[in-house]
């Protein structure tokens, strides 16, 4: 972003730097255009100084940012542009028709697109993802004071009052991911990477006990380079954290970049965002056994066609928005309209 902005004579600064320069009268607040990611204390302070509300972004799902989604219309309506998840779902007409823009989740550098590995030299199936399953129970340590306990309850109370949180729990795919891990970990040629799999204490006890035994040989810890890791496998499990229209993250894009075939479950409108011929749609199978048989029977030339479809998509104008360079150029293009 810094380099691409500089090419257009635009200075990009962090919120704290901008605040310091305005406070010391080095910068005029009217010359500052604010990019705010969801709720940002620094951005709010800049707006209080009189800076321009230029762009609001949201790169998170409502499962992890429910309070923002509860107030998305009110917050976004103050900004000239909106980029990210959720804005097309907002009921405010101004958000949808005037400001919301076509968005693709940025997750790779163009130089990451390298020659794919030999199909014959790869292992079968991999999952690189953190275990994000969290218990919905509210735990209050016994040694907390009354005030501390009340604070703990207050911080957790949004779970009961947030409409977005309730909808997100119903659409969560974390349980489905656990079921997938349990099934394929019992098979040969499956690799599991990511944080949180060494501690299953947040899982329901029955599920934790089953997983503990089946993943002990397949869990390979965290990986230093996700793209390098998944490129050594033919297929990669990529389940979004929840099923949410338009919510397509780095998970499937990483597969395209690395040249592996995605097993995808997530956005119900996924085929409107990436080519249907570039991934295996888990919704088309009634059992994990069917998925396993499909992978085992897939011919090399069919798999390579699927890989190339994903990579060809990333080379299109809209697909380029998934790159950090493409995202940055899109933001700078918007800035030039101000």
C-alpha atoms as a PDB file:
ATOM      1  CA  UNK A   1       0.000   0.000   0.000  1.00  0.00           C
ATOM      2  CA  UNK A   2       2.781   2.457   0.944  1.00  0.00           C
ATOM      3  CA  UNK A   3       4.698   1.934  -2.310  1.00  0.00           C
ATOM      4  CA  UNK A   4       1.669   2.019  -4.582  1.00  0.00           C
ATOM      5  CA  UNK A   5       0.288   5.100  -2.824  1.00  0.00           C
ATOM      6  CA  UNK A   6       3.641   6.877  -3.124  1.00  0.00           C
ATOM      7  CA  UNK A   7       3.570   6.312  -6.882  1.00  0.00           C
ATOM      8  CA  UNK A   8       0.437   8.485  -6.938  1.00  0.00           C
ATOM      9  CA  UNK A   9       1.830  11.106  -4.572  1.00  0.00           C
ATOM     10  CA  UNK A  10      -0.284   9.903  -1.642  1.00  0.00           C
ATOM     11  CA  UNK A  11       1.206   9.540   1.834  1.00  0.00           C
ATOM     12  CA  UNK A  12      -0.039   6.546   3.851  1.00  0.00           C
ATOM     13  CA  UNK A  13       0.385   6.675   7.628  1.00  0.00           C
ATOM     14  CA  UNK A  14      -0.788   4.659  10.612  1.00  0.00           C
ATOM     15  CA  UNK A  15      -3.452   6.093  12.881  1.00  0.00           C
ATOM     16  CA  UNK A  16      -1.085   7.008  15.711  1.00  0.00           C
ATOM     17  CA  UNK A  17       1.259   8.850  13.331  1.00  0.00           C
ATOM     18  CA  UNK A  18      -1.630  10.809  11.828  1.00  0.00           C
ATOM     19  CA  UNK A  19      -2.969  11.704  15.279  1.00  0.00           C
ATOM     20  CA  UNK A  20       0.453  12.936  16.403  1.00  0.00           C
ATOM     21  CA  UNK A  21       0.919  15.079  13.280  1.00  0.00           C
ATOM     22  CA  UNK A  22      -2.527  16.650  13.575  1.00  0.00           C
ATOM     23  CA  UNK A  23      -2.129  17.245  17.313  1.00  0.00           C
ATOM     24  CA  UNK A  24       1.207  19.009  16.698  1.00  0.00           C
ATOM     25  CA  UNK A  25      -0.317  21.079  13.862  1.00  0.00           C
ATOM     26  CA  UNK A  26       2.026  19.550  11.285  1.00  0.00           C
ATOM     27  CA  UNK A  27      -0.952  18.255   9.341  1.00  0.00           C
ATOM     28  CA  UNK A  28      -4.334  19.784   8.674  1.00  0.00           C
ATOM     29  CA  UNK A  29      -7.091  17.334   9.607  1.00  0.00           C
ATOM     30  CA  UNK A  30      -9.022  18.314   6.477  1.00  0.00           C
ATOM     31  CA  UNK A  31      -6.192  16.859   4.372  1.00  0.00           C
ATOM     32  CA  UNK A  32      -6.413  13.468   6.083  1.00  0.00           C
ATOM     33  CA  UNK A  33      -8.642  10.702   4.709  1.00  0.00           C
ATOM     34  CA  UNK A  34      -9.415   7.922   7.165  1.00  0.00           C
ATOM     35  CA  UNK A  35      -9.500   4.199   6.406  1.00  0.00           C
ATOM     36  CA  UNK A  36     -11.204   2.494   9.337  1.00  0.00           C
ATOM     37  CA  UNK A  37     -11.278  -1.274   9.823  1.00  0.00           C
ATOM     38  CA  UNK A  38     -14.545  -2.031  11.634  1.00  0.00           C
ATOM     39  CA  UNK A  39     -14.280  -0.315  15.030  1.00  0.00           C
ATOM     40  CA  UNK A  40     -11.000   1.559  15.475  1.00  0.00           C
ATOM     41  CA  UNK A  41     -10.151   3.866  18.361  1.00  0.00           C
ATOM     42  CA  UNK A  42      -7.480   5.696  16.364  1.00  0.00           C
ATOM     43  CA  UNK A  43      -9.807   6.208  13.407  1.00  0.00           C
ATOM     44  CA  UNK A  44     -12.552   7.536  15.677  1.00  0.00           C
ATOM     45  CA  UNK A  45     -10.123  10.030  17.190  1.00  0.00           C
ATOM     46  CA  UNK A  46      -9.052  11.209  13.736  1.00  0.00           C
ATOM     47  CA  UNK A  47     -12.680  11.764  12.785  1.00  0.00           C
ATOM     48  CA  UNK A  48     -13.173  13.752  16.002  1.00  0.00           C
ATOM     49  CA  UNK A  49     -10.265  15.947  14.881  1.00  0.00           C
ATOM     50  CA  UNK A  50     -12.161  16.658  11.654  1.00  0.00           C
ATOM     51  CA  UNK A  51     -10.467  14.199   9.285  1.00  0.00           C
ATOM     52  CA  UNK A  52     -12.471  12.878   6.335  1.00  0.00           C
ATOM     53  CA  UNK A  53     -14.330   9.534   6.692  1.00  0.00           C
ATOM     54  CA  UNK A  54     -13.063   7.992   3.442  1.00  0.00           C
ATOM     55  CA  UNK A  55     -13.277   4.189   3.626  1.00  0.00           C
ATOM     56  CA  UNK A  56     -14.539   1.615   6.096  1.00  0.00           C
ATOM     57  CA  UNK A  57     -13.434  -1.997   5.735  1.00  0.00           C
ATOM     58  CA  UNK A  58     -14.558  -5.265   7.258  1.00  0.00           C
ATOM     59  CA  UNK A  59     -12.448  -8.371   6.671  1.00  0.00           C
ATOM     60  CA  UNK A  60     -14.023 -10.448   9.429  1.00  0.00           C
ATOM     61  CA  UNK A  61     -17.161 -12.589   9.630  1.00  0.00           C
ATOM     62  CA  UNK A  62     -20.042 -11.783  12.000  1.00  0.00           C
ATOM     63  CA  UNK A  63     -19.123 -14.897  13.980  1.00  0.00           C
ATOM     64  CA  UNK A  64     -16.149 -12.948  15.360  1.00  0.00           C
ATOM     65  CA  UNK A  65     -17.389  -9.357  15.040  1.00  0.00           C
ATOM     66  CA  UNK A  66     -21.105  -9.516  15.909  1.00  0.00           C
ATOM     67  CA  UNK A  67     -21.377  -6.086  17.509  1.00  0.00           C
ATOM     68  CA  UNK A  68     -19.977  -4.446  14.394  1.00  0.00           C
ATOM     69  CA  UNK A  69     -22.494  -6.272  12.220  1.00  0.00           C
ATOM     70  CA  UNK A  70     -25.317  -5.304  14.581  1.00  0.00           C
ATOM     71  CA  UNK A  71     -24.459  -1.657  13.874  1.00  0.00           C
ATOM     72  CA  UNK A  72     -23.085  -1.959  10.347  1.00  0.00           C
ATOM     73  CA  UNK A  73     -25.553   0.454   8.723  1.00  0.00           C
ATOM     74  CA  UNK A  74     -25.075   3.206  11.277  1.00  0.00           C
ATOM     75  CA  UNK A  75     -21.279   2.937  11.229  1.00  0.00           C
ATOM     76  CA  UNK A  76     -20.860   2.587   7.461  1.00  0.00           C
ATOM     77  CA  UNK A  77     -23.260   5.399   6.620  1.00  0.00           C
ATOM     78  CA  UNK A  78     -20.695   7.953   7.810  1.00  0.00           C
ATOM     79  CA  UNK A  79     -18.109   6.861   5.231  1.00  0.00           C
ATOM     80  CA  UNK A  80     -17.873   7.616   1.537  1.00  0.00           C
ATOM     81  CA  UNK A  81     -16.919   4.047   0.587  1.00  0.00           C
ATOM     82  CA  UNK A  82     -17.311   0.579   2.073  1.00  0.00           C
ATOM     83  CA  UNK A  83     -15.161  -2.454   1.260  1.00  0.00           C
ATOM     84  CA  UNK A  84     -15.545  -5.856   2.827  1.00  0.00           C
ATOM     85  CA  UNK A  85     -17.947  -8.474   4.062  1.00  0.00           C
ATOM     86  CA  UNK A  86     -21.444  -7.663   5.197  1.00  0.00           C
ATOM     87  CA  UNK A  87     -22.060  -4.355   3.496  1.00  0.00           C
ATOM     88  CA  UNK A  88     -24.184  -5.828   0.716  1.00  0.00           C
ATOM     89  CA  UNK A  89     -26.311  -7.420   3.439  1.00  0.00           C
ATOM     90  CA  UNK A  90     -26.990  -4.080   5.105  1.00  0.00           C
ATOM     91  CA  UNK A  91     -30.627  -2.956   4.732  1.00  0.00           C
ATOM     92  CA  UNK A  92     -29.690   0.709   4.328  1.00  0.00           C
ATOM     93  CA  UNK A  93     -30.215   1.614   0.672  1.00  0.00           C
ATOM     94  CA  UNK A  94     -27.402   4.157   0.797  1.00  0.00           C
ATOM     95  CA  UNK A  95     -24.916   1.495   1.879  1.00  0.00           C
ATOM     96  CA  UNK A  96     -25.909  -0.913  -0.870  1.00  0.00           C
ATOM     97  CA  UNK A  97     -26.424   1.321  -3.890  1.00  0.00           C
ATOM     98  CA  UNK A  98     -24.239   4.336  -3.258  1.00  0.00           C
ATOM     99  CA  UNK A  99     -21.157   3.189  -1.437  1.00  0.00           C
ATOM    100  CA  UNK A 100     -20.657  -0.549  -1.341  1.00  0.00           C
ATOM    101  CA  UNK A 101     -18.080  -1.754  -3.849  1.00  0.00           C
ATOM    102  CA  UNK A 102     -17.079  -5.064  -5.339  1.00  0.00           C
ATOM    103  CA  UNK A 103     -14.744  -6.720  -2.848  1.00  0.00           C
ATOM    104  CA  UNK A 104     -12.352  -9.649  -2.886  1.00  0.00           C
ATOM    105  CA  UNK A 105     -10.424 -10.748   0.206  1.00  0.00           C
ATOM    106  CA  UNK A 106      -6.710  -9.848  -0.276  1.00  0.00           C
ATOM    107  CA  UNK A 107      -4.365 -12.660   0.737  1.00  0.00           C
ATOM    108  CA  UNK A 108      -1.341 -13.092  -1.537  1.00  0.00           C
ATOM    109  CA  UNK A 109       1.453 -11.276  -3.324  1.00  0.00           C
ATOM    110  CA  UNK A 110       1.695 -11.661  -7.083  1.00  0.00           C
ATOM    111  CA  UNK A 111       5.169 -13.148  -6.727  1.00  0.00           C
ATOM    112  CA  UNK A 112       3.625 -16.041  -4.740  1.00  0.00           C
ATOM    113  CA  UNK A 113       2.201 -17.474  -7.974  1.00  0.00           C
ATOM    114  CA  UNK A 114       4.902 -19.969  -8.897  1.00  0.00           C
ATOM    115  CA  UNK A 115       5.138 -23.142 -10.920  1.00  0.00           C
ATOM    116  CA  UNK A 116       3.008 -25.899  -9.407  1.00  0.00           C
ATOM    117  CA  UNK A 117       4.538 -29.091  -8.082  1.00  0.00           C
ATOM    118  CA  UNK A 118       4.392 -32.434  -9.847  1.00  0.00           C
ATOM    119  CA  UNK A 119       1.063 -34.174  -9.178  1.00  0.00           C
ATOM    120  CA  UNK A 120       2.761 -37.543  -8.723  1.00  0.00           C
ATOM    121  CA  UNK A 121       5.088 -36.273  -6.003  1.00  0.00           C
ATOM    122  CA  UNK A 122       2.344 -34.989  -3.735  1.00  0.00           C
ATOM    123  CA  UNK A 123       0.624 -36.461  -0.707  1.00  0.00           C
ATOM    124  CA  UNK A 124      -3.151 -36.726  -0.763  1.00  0.00           C
ATOM    125  CA  UNK A 125      -4.979 -34.376   1.622  1.00  0.00           C
ATOM    126  CA  UNK A 126      -4.155 -31.534   4.006  1.00  0.00           C
ATOM    127  CA  UNK A 127      -5.850 -29.104   6.353  1.00  0.00           C
ATOM    128  CA  UNK A 128      -4.022 -25.993   7.506  1.00  0.00           C
ATOM    129  CA  UNK A 129      -6.293 -24.167   9.936  1.00  0.00           C
ATOM    130  CA  UNK A 130      -6.409 -23.197  13.577  1.00  0.00           C
ATOM    131  CA  UNK A 131      -8.827 -25.007  15.842  1.00  0.00           C
ATOM    132  CA  UNK A 132     -11.119 -22.071  16.633  1.00  0.00           C
ATOM    133  CA  UNK A 133     -13.823 -24.012  18.398  1.00  0.00           C
ATOM    134  CA  UNK A 134     -14.817 -22.184  21.572  1.00  0.00           C
ATOM    135  CA  UNK A 135     -17.262 -23.303  24.210  1.00  0.00           C
ATOM    136  CA  UNK A 136     -20.351 -21.117  24.545  1.00  0.00           C
ATOM    137  CA  UNK A 137     -20.286 -21.537  28.300  1.00  0.00           C
ATOM    138  CA  UNK A 138     -19.407 -18.493  30.395  1.00  0.00           C
ATOM    139  CA  UNK A 139     -16.713 -19.394  32.907  1.00  0.00           C
ATOM    140  CA  UNK A 140     -16.264 -17.173  35.948  1.00  0.00           C
ATOM    141  CA  UNK A 141     -13.266 -18.132  38.113  1.00  0.00           C
ATOM    142  CA  UNK A 142     -14.209 -18.696  41.743  1.00  0.00           C
ATOM    143  CA  UNK A 143     -11.570 -16.292  43.079  1.00  0.00           C
ATOM    144  CA  UNK A 144     -12.962 -13.281  41.218  1.00  0.00           C
ATOM    145  CA  UNK A 145     -14.392 -10.475  43.330  1.00  0.00           C
ATOM    146  CA  UNK A 146     -18.024  -9.487  42.887  1.00  0.00           C
ATOM    147  CA  UNK A 147     -16.979  -6.525  40.740  1.00  0.00           C
ATOM    148  CA  UNK A 148     -14.727  -8.752  38.662  1.00  0.00           C
ATOM    149  CA  UNK A 149     -17.512 -11.269  38.171  1.00  0.00           C
ATOM    150  CA  UNK A 150     -19.921  -8.537  37.096  1.00  0.00           C
ATOM    151  CA  UNK A 151     -17.390  -7.261  34.572  1.00  0.00           C
ATOM    152  CA  UNK A 152     -16.947 -10.772  33.220  1.00  0.00           C
ATOM    153  CA  UNK A 153     -20.696 -11.165  32.850  1.00  0.00           C
ATOM    154  CA  UNK A 154     -21.028  -7.770  31.181  1.00  0.00           C
ATOM    155  CA  UNK A 155     -18.317  -8.559  28.643  1.00  0.00           C
ATOM    156  CA  UNK A 156     -20.086 -11.810  27.755  1.00  0.00           C
ATOM    157  CA  UNK A 157     -23.635 -10.452  27.760  1.00  0.00           C
ATOM    158  CA  UNK A 158     -23.483  -9.509  24.080  1.00  0.00           C
ATOM    159  CA  UNK A 159     -23.781 -13.222  23.302  1.00  0.00           C
ATOM    160  CA  UNK A 160     -27.374 -13.104  24.494  1.00  0.00           C
ATOM    161  CA  UNK A 161     -28.437  -9.766  22.990  1.00  0.00           C
ATOM    162  CA  UNK A 162     -26.613  -9.674  19.646  1.00  0.00           C
ATOM    163  CA  UNK A 163     -28.797 -10.722  16.669  1.00  0.00           C
ATOM    164  CA  UNK A 164     -25.674 -11.196  14.542  1.00  0.00           C
ATOM    165  CA  UNK A 165     -24.147 -13.518  17.115  1.00  0.00           C
ATOM    166  CA  UNK A 166     -27.231 -15.723  17.238  1.00  0.00           C
ATOM    167  CA  UNK A 167     -27.399 -15.959  13.444  1.00  0.00           C
ATOM    168  CA  UNK A 168     -23.670 -16.674  13.259  1.00  0.00           C
ATOM    169  CA  UNK A 169     -23.860 -19.588  15.660  1.00  0.00           C
ATOM    170  CA  UNK A 170     -26.570 -21.148  13.514  1.00  0.00           C
ATOM    171  CA  UNK A 171     -24.376 -20.741  10.415  1.00  0.00           C
ATOM    172  CA  UNK A 172     -21.083 -21.811  12.026  1.00  0.00           C
ATOM    173  CA  UNK A 173     -19.079 -24.487  10.211  1.00  0.00           C
ATOM    174  CA  UNK A 174     -16.637 -25.197  13.033  1.00  0.00           C
ATOM    175  CA  UNK A 175     -18.445 -28.408  13.980  1.00  0.00           C
ATOM    176  CA  UNK A 176     -18.426 -29.510  10.358  1.00  0.00           C
ATOM    177  CA  UNK A 177     -14.676 -28.941  10.200  1.00  0.00           C
ATOM    178  CA  UNK A 178     -14.198 -31.096  13.291  1.00  0.00           C
ATOM    179  CA  UNK A 179     -16.255 -33.888  11.721  1.00  0.00           C
ATOM    180  CA  UNK A 180     -14.104 -33.689   8.599  1.00  0.00           C
ATOM    181  CA  UNK A 181     -10.887 -33.874  10.600  1.00  0.00           C
ATOM    182  CA  UNK A 182     -12.195 -36.842  12.571  1.00  0.00           C
ATOM    183  CA  UNK A 183     -13.064 -38.763   9.410  1.00  0.00           C
ATOM    184  CA  UNK A 184      -9.955 -38.113   7.349  1.00  0.00           C
ATOM    185  CA  UNK A 185      -7.529 -38.366  10.263  1.00  0.00           C
ATOM    186  CA  UNK A 186      -8.548 -42.001  10.430  1.00  0.00           C
ATOM    187  CA  UNK A 187      -7.345 -42.454   6.859  1.00  0.00           C
ATOM    188  CA  UNK A 188      -3.832 -42.592   5.489  1.00  0.00           C
ATOM    189  CA  UNK A 189      -2.102 -39.690   3.769  1.00  0.00           C
ATOM    190  CA  UNK A 190      -3.734 -36.842   5.701  1.00  0.00           C
ATOM    191  CA  UNK A 191      -1.788 -33.938   7.170  1.00  0.00           C
ATOM    192  CA  UNK A 192      -3.149 -31.589   9.843  1.00  0.00           C
ATOM    193  CA  UNK A 193      -1.434 -28.283  10.605  1.00  0.00           C
ATOM    194  CA  UNK A 194      -2.361 -25.245  12.685  1.00  0.00           C
ATOM    195  CA  UNK A 195      -2.603 -23.954  16.222  1.00  0.00           C
ATOM    196  CA  UNK A 196      -5.053 -25.228  18.806  1.00  0.00           C
ATOM    197  CA  UNK A 197      -5.098 -28.903  17.835  1.00  0.00           C
ATOM    198  CA  UNK A 198      -2.772 -29.821  20.671  1.00  0.00           C
ATOM    199  CA  UNK A 199      -5.291 -28.563  23.242  1.00  0.00           C
ATOM    200  CA  UNK A 200      -8.831 -29.842  22.710  1.00  0.00           C
ATOM    201  CA  UNK A 201     -10.182 -28.703  26.073  1.00  0.00           C
ATOM    202  CA  UNK A 202     -12.712 -26.306  24.522  1.00  0.00           C
ATOM    203  CA  UNK A 203     -14.354 -29.127  22.573  1.00  0.00           C
ATOM    204  CA  UNK A 204     -17.250 -31.187  23.916  1.00  0.00           C
ATOM    205  CA  UNK A 205     -15.634 -34.005  25.888  1.00  0.00           C
ATOM    206  CA  UNK A 206     -16.936 -36.814  23.654  1.00  0.00           C
ATOM    207  CA  UNK A 207     -15.604 -35.093  20.534  1.00  0.00           C
ATOM    208  CA  UNK A 208     -12.282 -34.273  22.201  1.00  0.00           C
ATOM    209  CA  UNK A 209     -11.780 -37.880  23.254  1.00  0.00           C
ATOM    210  CA  UNK A 210     -12.429 -39.172  19.738  1.00  0.00           C
ATOM    211  CA  UNK A 211     -10.178 -36.602  18.073  1.00  0.00           C
ATOM    212  CA  UNK A 212      -7.346 -37.051  20.557  1.00  0.00           C
ATOM    213  CA  UNK A 213      -6.806 -40.605  19.450  1.00  0.00           C
ATOM    214  CA  UNK A 214      -7.195 -40.153  15.685  1.00  0.00           C
ATOM    215  CA  UNK A 215      -5.106 -36.999  15.178  1.00  0.00           C
ATOM    216  CA  UNK A 216      -2.085 -37.950  17.289  1.00  0.00           C
ATOM    217  CA  UNK A 217      -0.195 -39.276  14.259  1.00  0.00           C
ATOM    218  CA  UNK A 218      -1.611 -36.817  11.695  1.00  0.00           C
ATOM    219  CA  UNK A 219      -1.159 -33.569  13.611  1.00  0.00           C
ATOM    220  CA  UNK A 220       2.096 -32.044  12.395  1.00  0.00           C
ATOM    221  CA  UNK A 221       2.069 -28.789  14.371  1.00  0.00           C
ATOM    222  CA  UNK A 222       2.138 -25.320  12.885  1.00  0.00           C
ATOM    223  CA  UNK A 223       3.702 -24.658   9.505  1.00  0.00           C
ATOM    224  CA  UNK A 224       6.067 -21.810   8.698  1.00  0.00           C
ATOM    225  CA  UNK A 225       4.783 -21.319   5.154  1.00  0.00           C
ATOM    226  CA  UNK A 226       1.197 -22.286   4.363  1.00  0.00           C
ATOM    227  CA  UNK A 227       1.535 -21.991   0.586  1.00  0.00           C
ATOM    228  CA  UNK A 228       4.659 -24.127   0.569  1.00  0.00           C
ATOM    229  CA  UNK A 229       3.003 -26.710   2.806  1.00  0.00           C
ATOM    230  CA  UNK A 230      -0.273 -27.164   0.928  1.00  0.00           C
ATOM    231  CA  UNK A 231       1.501 -27.186  -2.441  1.00  0.00           C
ATOM    232  CA  UNK A 232       2.838 -30.608  -1.431  1.00  0.00           C
ATOM    233  CA  UNK A 233      -0.688 -32.063  -1.334  1.00  0.00           C
ATOM    234  CA  UNK A 234      -3.186 -32.824  -4.090  1.00  0.00           C
ATOM    235  CA  UNK A 235      -6.243 -31.698  -2.142  1.00  0.00           C
ATOM    236  CA  UNK A 236      -6.787 -29.176   0.628  1.00  0.00           C
ATOM    237  CA  UNK A 237      -9.735 -28.868   3.008  1.00  0.00           C
ATOM    238  CA  UNK A 238     -10.877 -25.261   3.071  1.00  0.00           C
ATOM    239  CA  UNK A 239     -13.991 -24.667   5.154  1.00  0.00           C
ATOM    240  CA  UNK A 240     -14.906 -21.113   6.046  1.00  0.00           C
ATOM    241  CA  UNK A 241     -15.629 -20.468   9.711  1.00  0.00           C
ATOM    242  CA  UNK A 242     -19.281 -19.920   8.822  1.00  0.00           C
ATOM    243  CA  UNK A 243     -21.685 -20.006   5.895  1.00  0.00           C
ATOM    244  CA  UNK A 244     -22.295 -16.362   5.001  1.00  0.00           C
ATOM    245  CA  UNK A 245     -23.120 -14.857   1.607  1.00  0.00           C
ATOM    246  CA  UNK A 246     -20.025 -13.299   0.038  1.00  0.00           C
ATOM    247  CA  UNK A 247     -17.759 -14.521   2.841  1.00  0.00           C
ATOM    248  CA  UNK A 248     -14.887 -15.997   0.830  1.00  0.00           C
ATOM    249  CA  UNK A 249     -11.526 -15.669   2.558  1.00  0.00           C
ATOM    250  CA  UNK A 250      -7.925 -16.638   1.921  1.00  0.00           C
ATOM    251  CA  UNK A 251      -8.687 -20.329   2.384  1.00  0.00           C
ATOM    252  CA  UNK A 252      -9.702 -21.070  -1.205  1.00  0.00           C
ATOM    253  CA  UNK A 253      -7.441 -18.390  -2.683  1.00  0.00           C
ATOM    254  CA  UNK A 254      -4.405 -19.976  -1.018  1.00  0.00           C
ATOM    255  CA  UNK A 255      -5.314 -23.224  -2.773  1.00  0.00           C
ATOM    256  CA  UNK A 256      -5.382 -21.475  -6.143  1.00  0.00           C
ATOM    257  CA  UNK A 257      -2.017 -19.839  -5.512  1.00  0.00           C
ATOM    258  CA  UNK A 258      -0.398 -23.054  -4.258  1.00  0.00           C
ATOM    259  CA  UNK A 259      -1.889 -25.160  -7.049  1.00  0.00           C
ATOM    260  CA  UNK A 260      -3.883 -27.603  -4.934  1.00  0.00           C
ATOM    261  CA  UNK A 261      -7.527 -28.640  -5.385  1.00  0.00           C
ATOM    262  CA  UNK A 262      -9.844 -27.105  -2.753  1.00  0.00           C
ATOM    263  CA  UNK A 263     -12.509 -29.080  -0.907  1.00  0.00           C
ATOM    264  CA  UNK A 264     -14.727 -26.077  -0.224  1.00  0.00           C
ATOM    265  CA  UNK A 265     -17.586 -25.397   2.160  1.00  0.00           C
ATOM    266  CA  UNK A 266     -18.668 -21.911   3.121  1.00  0.00           C
ATOM    267  CA  UNK A 267     -20.283 -19.088   1.192  1.00  0.00           C
ATOM    268  CA  UNK A 268     -23.615 -20.268  -0.264  1.00  0.00           C
ATOM    269  CA  UNK A 269     -22.949 -18.083  -3.316  1.00  0.00           C
ATOM    270  CA  UNK A 270     -19.374 -19.294  -3.846  1.00  0.00           C
ATOM    271  CA  UNK A 271     -19.931 -20.101  -7.541  1.00  0.00           C
ATOM    272  CA  UNK A 272     -20.793 -16.417  -8.139  1.00  0.00           C
ATOM    273  CA  UNK A 273     -17.418 -15.383  -6.750  1.00  0.00           C
ATOM    274  CA  UNK A 274     -14.964 -17.988  -8.077  1.00  0.00           C
ATOM    275  CA  UNK A 275     -15.417 -20.376 -11.027  1.00  0.00           C
ATOM    276  CA  UNK A 276     -17.448 -23.486 -10.172  1.00  0.00           C
ATOM    277  CA  UNK A 277     -14.928 -25.620 -12.072  1.00  0.00           C
ATOM    278  CA  UNK A 278     -12.073 -24.514  -9.786  1.00  0.00           C
ATOM    279  CA  UNK A 279     -13.074 -26.378  -6.609  1.00  0.00           C
ATOM    280  CA  UNK A 280     -14.814 -29.442  -5.218  1.00  0.00           C
ATOM    281  CA  UNK A 281     -18.118 -28.348  -3.695  1.00  0.00           C
ATOM    282  CA  UNK A 282     -18.700 -30.301  -0.488  1.00  0.00           C
ATOM    283  CA  UNK A 283     -22.438 -29.630  -0.746  1.00  0.00           C
ATOM    284  CA  UNK A 284     -22.586 -32.079  -3.656  1.00  0.00           C
ATOM    285  CA  UNK A 285     -21.759 -35.070  -1.442  1.00  0.00           C
ATOM    286  CA  UNK A 286     -23.911 -36.809   1.138  1.00  0.00           C
ATOM    287  CA  UNK A 287     -21.026 -38.416   3.034  1.00  0.00           C
ATOM    288  CA  UNK A 288     -17.294 -38.111   3.594  1.00  0.00           C
ATOM    289  CA  UNK A 289     -16.945 -41.538   2.025  1.00  0.00           C
ATOM    290  CA  UNK A 290     -18.303 -40.163  -1.247  1.00  0.00           C
ATOM    291  CA  UNK A 291     -15.820 -37.297  -1.118  1.00  0.00           C
ATOM    292  CA  UNK A 292     -12.984 -39.721  -0.452  1.00  0.00           C
ATOM    293  CA  UNK A 293     -14.004 -41.928  -3.383  1.00  0.00           C
ATOM    294  CA  UNK A 294     -14.231 -38.868  -5.637  1.00  0.00           C
ATOM    295  CA  UNK A 295     -10.701 -37.768  -4.756  1.00  0.00           C
ATOM    296  CA  UNK A 296      -9.309 -41.275  -5.204  1.00  0.00           C
ATOM    297  CA  UNK A 297     -10.893 -41.605  -8.642  1.00  0.00           C
ATOM    298  CA  UNK A 298      -9.959 -38.166  -9.967  1.00  0.00           C
ATOM    299  CA  UNK A 299      -7.657 -38.341 -12.978  1.00  0.00           C
ATOM    300  CA  UNK A 300      -4.550 -36.207 -13.103  1.00  0.00           C
ATOM    301  CA  UNK A 301      -5.684 -34.208 -16.143  1.00  0.00           C
ATOM    302  CA  UNK A 302      -9.034 -33.401 -14.475  1.00  0.00           C
ATOM    303  CA  UNK A 303      -7.284 -32.235 -11.319  1.00  0.00           C
ATOM    304  CA  UNK A 304      -4.852 -30.049 -13.272  1.00  0.00           C
ATOM    305  CA  UNK A 305      -7.771 -28.495 -15.179  1.00  0.00           C
ATOM    306  CA  UNK A 306      -9.339 -27.597 -11.839  1.00  0.00           C
ATOM    307  CA  UNK A 307      -6.063 -26.125 -10.584  1.00  0.00           C
ATOM    308  CA  UNK A 308      -5.615 -24.064 -13.757  1.00  0.00           C
ATOM    309  CA  UNK A 309      -9.204 -22.780 -13.546  1.00  0.00           C
ATOM    310  CA  UNK A 310      -8.440 -21.329 -10.128  1.00  0.00           C
ATOM    311  CA  UNK A 311      -5.171 -19.794 -11.235  1.00  0.00           C
ATOM    312  CA  UNK A 312      -6.725 -18.363 -14.407  1.00  0.00           C
ATOM    313  CA  UNK A 313      -9.357 -16.698 -12.233  1.00  0.00           C
ATOM    314  CA  UNK A 314      -6.653 -14.988 -10.150  1.00  0.00           C
ATOM    315  CA  UNK A 315      -5.218 -13.535 -13.366  1.00  0.00           C
ATOM    316  CA  UNK A 316      -8.505 -11.815 -14.279  1.00  0.00           C
ATOM    317  CA  UNK A 317      -9.224  -8.206 -13.369  1.00  0.00           C
ATOM    318  CA  UNK A 318     -11.599  -9.154 -10.560  1.00  0.00           C
ATOM    319  CA  UNK A 319      -9.397 -12.047  -9.428  1.00  0.00           C
ATOM    320  CA  UNK A 320      -6.432  -9.691  -9.111  1.00  0.00           C
ATOM    321  CA  UNK A 321      -8.275  -7.953  -6.269  1.00  0.00           C
ATOM    322  CA  UNK A 322      -7.378 -10.978  -4.119  1.00  0.00           C
ATOM    323  CA  UNK A 323      -3.730  -9.884  -4.338  1.00  0.00           C
ATOM    324  CA  UNK A 324      -2.376  -7.295  -1.926  1.00  0.00           C
ATOM    325  CA  UNK A 325      -1.204  -5.260  -4.903  1.00  0.00           C
ATOM    326  CA  UNK A 326      -4.654  -5.364  -6.497  1.00  0.00           C
ATOM    327  CA  UNK A 327      -6.372  -4.408  -3.248  1.00  0.00           C
ATOM    328  CA  UNK A 328      -3.975  -1.491  -2.732  1.00  0.00           C
ATOM    329  CA  UNK A 329      -4.473  -0.183  -6.268  1.00  0.00           C
ATOM    330  CA  UNK A 330      -8.233  -0.362  -5.816  1.00  0.00           C
ATOM    331  CA  UNK A 331      -8.052   1.702  -2.620  1.00  0.00           C
ATOM    332  CA  UNK A 332      -5.765   4.271  -4.256  1.00  0.00           C
ATOM    333  CA  UNK A 333      -8.143   4.478  -7.226  1.00  0.00           C
ATOM    334  CA  UNK A 334     -10.946   5.355  -4.819  1.00  0.00           C
ATOM    335  CA  UNK A 335      -8.762   7.907  -3.041  1.00  0.00           C
ATOM    336  CA  UNK A 336      -8.169   9.733  -6.317  1.00  0.00           C
ATOM    337  CA  UNK A 337     -11.910  10.340  -6.641  1.00  0.00           C
ATOM    338  CA  UNK A 338     -11.984  12.371  -3.423  1.00  0.00           C
END
